[in-house]
C-alpha atoms as a PDB file:
ATOM      1  CA  UNK A   1      -7.935  10.034 -48.957  1.00  0.00           C
ATOM      2  CA  UNK A   2      -5.132   9.394 -46.470  1.00  0.00           C
ATOM      3  CA  UNK A   3      -5.605   6.461 -44.131  1.00  0.00           C
ATOM      4  CA  UNK A   4      -3.752   6.487 -40.863  1.00  0.00           C
ATOM      5  CA  UNK A   5      -2.842   3.239 -39.176  1.00  0.00           C
ATOM      6  CA  UNK A   6      -4.972   2.376 -36.169  1.00  0.00           C
ATOM      7  CA  UNK A   7      -3.179   3.100 -32.907  1.00  0.00           C
ATOM      8  CA  UNK A   8      -3.169   0.169 -30.488  1.00  0.00           C
ATOM      9  CA  UNK A   9      -5.049   0.532 -27.239  1.00  0.00           C
ATOM     10  CA  UNK A  10      -3.270   0.055 -23.939  1.00  0.00           C
ATOM     11  CA  UNK A  11      -4.748  -3.454 -23.601  1.00  0.00           C
ATOM     12  CA  UNK A  12      -3.678  -4.465 -27.132  1.00  0.00           C
ATOM     13  CA  UNK A  13      -0.205  -3.079 -26.573  1.00  0.00           C
ATOM     14  CA  UNK A  14      -0.020  -4.808 -23.184  1.00  0.00           C
ATOM     15  CA  UNK A  15      -0.973  -8.179 -24.669  1.00  0.00           C
ATOM     16  CA  UNK A  16       1.722  -7.826 -27.341  1.00  0.00           C
ATOM     17  CA  UNK A  17       4.401  -6.869 -24.841  1.00  0.00           C
ATOM     18  CA  UNK A  18       3.302  -9.130 -21.945  1.00  0.00           C
ATOM     19  CA  UNK A  19       1.612 -12.235 -23.418  1.00  0.00           C
ATOM     20  CA  UNK A  20       0.740 -13.685 -19.988  1.00  0.00           C
ATOM     21  CA  UNK A  21      -1.483 -10.696 -19.217  1.00  0.00           C
ATOM     22  CA  UNK A  22      -5.243 -10.489 -19.612  1.00  0.00           C
ATOM     23  CA  UNK A  23      -7.710  -7.623 -19.694  1.00  0.00           C
ATOM     24  CA  UNK A  24     -11.405  -6.929 -19.399  1.00  0.00           C
ATOM     25  CA  UNK A  25     -13.709  -3.938 -19.582  1.00  0.00           C
ATOM     26  CA  UNK A  26     -16.738  -3.561 -17.339  1.00  0.00           C
ATOM     27  CA  UNK A  27     -18.868  -0.413 -17.332  1.00  0.00           C
ATOM     28  CA  UNK A  28     -16.176   1.398 -19.290  1.00  0.00           C
ATOM     29  CA  UNK A  29     -13.528   0.587 -16.658  1.00  0.00           C
ATOM     30  CA  UNK A  30     -10.476  -1.292 -17.937  1.00  0.00           C
ATOM     31  CA  UNK A  31      -8.918  -3.947 -15.725  1.00  0.00           C
ATOM     32  CA  UNK A  32      -5.750  -5.865 -16.450  1.00  0.00           C
ATOM     33  CA  UNK A  33      -4.251  -8.873 -14.705  1.00  0.00           C
ATOM     34  CA  UNK A  34      -0.543  -9.652 -14.857  1.00  0.00           C
ATOM     35  CA  UNK A  35       1.664 -12.280 -13.197  1.00  0.00           C
ATOM     36  CA  UNK A  36       3.459 -11.097 -10.035  1.00  0.00           C
ATOM     37  CA  UNK A  37       6.845 -11.706 -11.674  1.00  0.00           C
ATOM     38  CA  UNK A  38       6.295  -8.806 -14.080  1.00  0.00           C
ATOM     39  CA  UNK A  39       4.113  -6.441 -12.018  1.00  0.00           C
ATOM     40  CA  UNK A  40       6.884  -3.873 -11.521  1.00  0.00           C
ATOM     41  CA  UNK A  41       7.867  -3.952 -15.191  1.00  0.00           C
ATOM     42  CA  UNK A  42       4.216  -3.561 -16.276  1.00  0.00           C
ATOM     43  CA  UNK A  43       3.585  -0.640 -13.903  1.00  0.00           C
ATOM     44  CA  UNK A  44       6.782   1.121 -15.024  1.00  0.00           C
ATOM     45  CA  UNK A  45       5.815   0.548 -18.669  1.00  0.00           C
ATOM     46  CA  UNK A  46       2.307   1.937 -18.051  1.00  0.00           C
ATOM     47  CA  UNK A  47       3.787   5.026 -16.406  1.00  0.00           C
ATOM     48  CA  UNK A  48       6.497   5.671 -18.986  1.00  0.00           C
ATOM     49  CA  UNK A  49       4.791   4.577 -22.223  1.00  0.00           C
ATOM     50  CA  UNK A  50       1.105   5.252 -21.585  1.00  0.00           C
ATOM     51  CA  UNK A  51       1.472   8.244 -19.212  1.00  0.00           C
ATOM     52  CA  UNK A  52      -0.286   6.708 -16.219  1.00  0.00           C
ATOM     53  CA  UNK A  53       1.431   9.282 -14.063  1.00  0.00           C
ATOM     54  CA  UNK A  54      -0.763   9.066 -10.947  1.00  0.00           C
ATOM     55  CA  UNK A  55      -0.979   6.152  -8.555  1.00  0.00           C
ATOM     56  CA  UNK A  56      -4.393   6.591  -6.940  1.00  0.00           C
ATOM     57  CA  UNK A  57      -4.333   3.628  -4.557  1.00  0.00           C
ATOM     58  CA  UNK A  58      -2.829   0.274  -3.693  1.00  0.00           C
ATOM     59  CA  UNK A  59      -4.919  -2.246  -1.858  1.00  0.00           C
ATOM     60  CA  UNK A  60      -5.338  -5.963  -1.388  1.00  0.00           C
ATOM     61  CA  UNK A  61      -8.204  -8.460  -1.456  1.00  0.00           C
ATOM     62  CA  UNK A  62      -8.206 -11.681   0.573  1.00  0.00           C
ATOM     63  CA  UNK A  63      -9.857 -14.458  -1.453  1.00  0.00           C
ATOM     64  CA  UNK A  64      -9.868 -17.021   1.370  1.00  0.00           C
ATOM     65  CA  UNK A  65     -12.768 -19.451   0.849  1.00  0.00           C
ATOM     66  CA  UNK A  66     -13.694 -17.722  -2.408  1.00  0.00           C
ATOM     67  CA  UNK A  67     -15.106 -20.446  -4.632  1.00  0.00           C
ATOM     68  CA  UNK A  68     -13.200 -19.721  -7.858  1.00  0.00           C
ATOM     69  CA  UNK A  69      -9.989 -18.252  -6.445  1.00  0.00           C
ATOM     70  CA  UNK A  70      -6.737 -19.947  -7.385  1.00  0.00           C
ATOM     71  CA  UNK A  71      -4.574 -17.685  -5.170  1.00  0.00           C
ATOM     72  CA  UNK A  72      -5.199 -16.322  -1.695  1.00  0.00           C
ATOM     73  CA  UNK A  73      -4.481 -12.613  -2.210  1.00  0.00           C
ATOM     74  CA  UNK A  74      -5.067 -10.145  -5.023  1.00  0.00           C
ATOM     75  CA  UNK A  75      -3.027  -6.954  -5.178  1.00  0.00           C
ATOM     76  CA  UNK A  76      -4.842  -4.012  -6.775  1.00  0.00           C
ATOM     77  CA  UNK A  77      -3.151  -0.916  -8.211  1.00  0.00           C
ATOM     78  CA  UNK A  78      -5.381   1.961  -9.367  1.00  0.00           C
ATOM     79  CA  UNK A  79      -3.735   4.253 -11.944  1.00  0.00           C
ATOM     80  CA  UNK A  80      -4.786   7.450 -13.697  1.00  0.00           C
ATOM     81  CA  UNK A  81      -3.464   9.271 -16.740  1.00  0.00           C
ATOM     82  CA  UNK A  82      -3.979  12.897 -15.686  1.00  0.00           C
ATOM     83  CA  UNK A  83      -3.683  14.154 -19.273  1.00  0.00           C
ATOM     84  CA  UNK A  84      -6.502  12.015 -20.684  1.00  0.00           C
ATOM     85  CA  UNK A  85      -8.364  11.241 -17.437  1.00  0.00           C
ATOM     86  CA  UNK A  86      -8.092   7.547 -18.302  1.00  0.00           C
ATOM     87  CA  UNK A  87      -8.233   5.161 -15.362  1.00  0.00           C
ATOM     88  CA  UNK A  88      -6.810   1.655 -15.147  1.00  0.00           C
ATOM     89  CA  UNK A  89      -7.006  -1.120 -12.591  1.00  0.00           C
ATOM     90  CA  UNK A  90      -3.971  -3.423 -12.500  1.00  0.00           C
ATOM     91  CA  UNK A  91      -4.188  -6.647 -10.533  1.00  0.00           C
ATOM     92  CA  UNK A  92      -1.846  -9.475  -9.673  1.00  0.00           C
ATOM     93  CA  UNK A  93      -2.499 -12.541  -7.551  1.00  0.00           C
ATOM     94  CA  UNK A  94      -0.263 -13.945  -4.815  1.00  0.00           C
ATOM     95  CA  UNK A  95      -0.212 -17.430  -3.366  1.00  0.00           C
ATOM     96  CA  UNK A  96      -0.027 -17.769   0.388  1.00  0.00           C
ATOM     97  CA  UNK A  97       3.430 -19.316   0.086  1.00  0.00           C
ATOM     98  CA  UNK A  98       4.913 -16.212  -1.572  1.00  0.00           C
ATOM     99  CA  UNK A  99       3.424 -12.958  -0.258  1.00  0.00           C
ATOM    100  CA  UNK A 100       5.898 -10.548  -1.821  1.00  0.00           C
ATOM    101  CA  UNK A 101       5.769  -8.016  -4.645  1.00  0.00           C
ATOM    102  CA  UNK A 102       8.304  -5.362  -5.626  1.00  0.00           C
ATOM    103  CA  UNK A 103       7.869  -1.926  -4.119  1.00  0.00           C
ATOM    104  CA  UNK A 104       6.755   0.802  -6.540  1.00  0.00           C
ATOM    105  CA  UNK A 105       7.984   3.695  -4.380  1.00  0.00           C
ATOM    106  CA  UNK A 106      10.690   4.344  -6.975  1.00  0.00           C
ATOM    107  CA  UNK A 107       7.940   4.873  -9.597  1.00  0.00           C
ATOM    108  CA  UNK A 108       5.491   6.837  -7.411  1.00  0.00           C
ATOM    109  CA  UNK A 109       6.881   8.142  -4.083  1.00  0.00           C
ATOM    110  CA  UNK A 110       3.312   8.310  -2.734  1.00  0.00           C
ATOM    111  CA  UNK A 111       3.244   4.505  -2.759  1.00  0.00           C
ATOM    112  CA  UNK A 112       5.282   4.580   0.469  1.00  0.00           C
ATOM    113  CA  UNK A 113       2.344   4.903   2.837  1.00  0.00           C
ATOM    114  CA  UNK A 114      -0.002   2.823   0.692  1.00  0.00           C
ATOM    115  CA  UNK A 115       2.403  -0.134   0.717  1.00  0.00           C
ATOM    116  CA  UNK A 116       2.939   0.221   4.453  1.00  0.00           C
ATOM    117  CA  UNK A 117      -0.822   0.081   5.000  1.00  0.00           C
ATOM    118  CA  UNK A 118      -1.193  -3.085   2.888  1.00  0.00           C
ATOM    119  CA  UNK A 119       1.705  -4.730   4.733  1.00  0.00           C
ATOM    120  CA  UNK A 120       0.300  -3.707   8.117  1.00  0.00           C
ATOM    121  CA  UNK A 121      -3.245  -4.938   7.506  1.00  0.00           C
ATOM    122  CA  UNK A 122      -2.684  -7.903   5.118  1.00  0.00           C
ATOM    123  CA  UNK A 123       0.935  -8.987   5.615  1.00  0.00           C
ATOM    124  CA  UNK A 124       2.061  -8.525   2.000  1.00  0.00           C
ATOM    125  CA  UNK A 125       5.793  -7.717   1.851  1.00  0.00           C
ATOM    126  CA  UNK A 126       7.049  -5.100  -0.604  1.00  0.00           C
ATOM    127  CA  UNK A 127      10.571  -5.969  -1.706  1.00  0.00           C
ATOM    128  CA  UNK A 128      12.800  -2.896  -1.697  1.00  0.00           C
ATOM    129  CA  UNK A 129      10.460  -0.727   0.364  1.00  0.00           C
ATOM    130  CA  UNK A 130      12.453   2.065   2.077  1.00  0.00           C
ATOM    131  CA  UNK A 131      10.546   2.060   5.401  1.00  0.00           C
ATOM    132  CA  UNK A 132       8.834  -1.238   6.155  1.00  0.00           C
ATOM    133  CA  UNK A 133       7.140  -0.327   9.458  1.00  0.00           C
ATOM    134  CA  UNK A 134       3.577  -0.552  10.634  1.00  0.00           C
ATOM    135  CA  UNK A 135       1.531   2.552   9.858  1.00  0.00           C
ATOM    136  CA  UNK A 136      -1.920   1.816  11.324  1.00  0.00           C
ATOM    137  CA  UNK A 137      -1.250  -0.566  14.217  1.00  0.00           C
ATOM    138  CA  UNK A 138       1.360  -0.430  16.975  1.00  0.00           C
ATOM    139  CA  UNK A 139       4.673  -2.207  16.345  1.00  0.00           C
ATOM    140  CA  UNK A 140       3.800  -4.698  19.117  1.00  0.00           C
ATOM    141  CA  UNK A 141       0.766  -5.953  17.175  1.00  0.00           C
ATOM    142  CA  UNK A 142       1.670  -9.350  15.732  1.00  0.00           C
ATOM    143  CA  UNK A 143      -1.176 -10.078  13.294  1.00  0.00           C
ATOM    144  CA  UNK A 144      -2.676  -8.660  10.106  1.00  0.00           C
ATOM    145  CA  UNK A 145      -6.334  -7.966  10.921  1.00  0.00           C
ATOM    146  CA  UNK A 146      -7.817  -7.567   7.414  1.00  0.00           C
ATOM    147  CA  UNK A 147      -7.072 -11.188   6.581  1.00  0.00           C
ATOM    148  CA  UNK A 148     -10.272 -13.192   6.528  1.00  0.00           C
ATOM    149  CA  UNK A 149      -8.888 -15.831   8.897  1.00  0.00           C
ATOM    150  CA  UNK A 150      -8.352 -13.197  11.605  1.00  0.00           C
ATOM    151  CA  UNK A 151     -11.085 -13.532  14.261  1.00  0.00           C
ATOM    152  CA  UNK A 152     -13.623 -10.698  14.550  1.00  0.00           C
ATOM    153  CA  UNK A 153     -12.914 -10.296  18.260  1.00  0.00           C
ATOM    154  CA  UNK A 154      -9.154 -10.457  17.782  1.00  0.00           C
ATOM    155  CA  UNK A 155      -6.730 -12.818  19.485  1.00  0.00           C
ATOM    156  CA  UNK A 156      -6.227 -10.833  22.659  1.00  0.00           C
ATOM    157  CA  UNK A 157      -3.463  -8.632  21.260  1.00  0.00           C
ATOM    158  CA  UNK A 158      -5.194  -5.438  22.304  1.00  0.00           C
ATOM    159  CA  UNK A 159      -5.052  -6.421  25.956  1.00  0.00           C
ATOM    160  CA  UNK A 160      -1.252  -6.458  25.941  1.00  0.00           C
ATOM    161  CA  UNK A 161      -0.609  -3.206  24.086  1.00  0.00           C
ATOM    162  CA  UNK A 162       0.987  -0.390  26.089  1.00  0.00           C
ATOM    163  CA  UNK A 163      -1.400   2.301  27.276  1.00  0.00           C
ATOM    164  CA  UNK A 164      -0.401   5.759  26.078  1.00  0.00           C
ATOM    165  CA  UNK A 165      -1.652   8.705  28.103  1.00  0.00           C
ATOM    166  CA  UNK A 166      -2.039  12.175  26.595  1.00  0.00           C
ATOM    167  CA  UNK A 167       0.872  13.438  28.690  1.00  0.00           C
ATOM    168  CA  UNK A 168       3.162  10.774  27.136  1.00  0.00           C
ATOM    169  CA  UNK A 169       2.362  11.692  23.529  1.00  0.00           C
END
């Protein structure tokens, strides 16, 4: 009988390569957490080594006033391996004093609009992004309305935005 060595899983391989990472599985969904300093390297490694060739989404979570949160914001990257249909959630946490992560547009060009949306609504800066403009709100808008400290009724910004008529568009 020939015994083949056991192949490491993505989480085992990740822990060997990036010791500061952690992982968990809930309802058959794998989630990994990595420090922000290595997020780009981890995402590139997942794409190139483990064939996570599709970036499904990038979003952010504001943990303001969350009882157990150590950092204010959590970046969330949802990846898929289209060959095996495996899905992976990659998270990193950002302190309010350093709201910047590297852009992943060079890995997945579709990240362009996703990163712009996160910057527009949460204020997270993507270092190296090719087109850092607002995508949802007008350029004159000065706040990031999906932050939990943003008032529900706004701060009066909408009253000072230029009115655009259909003929002007």
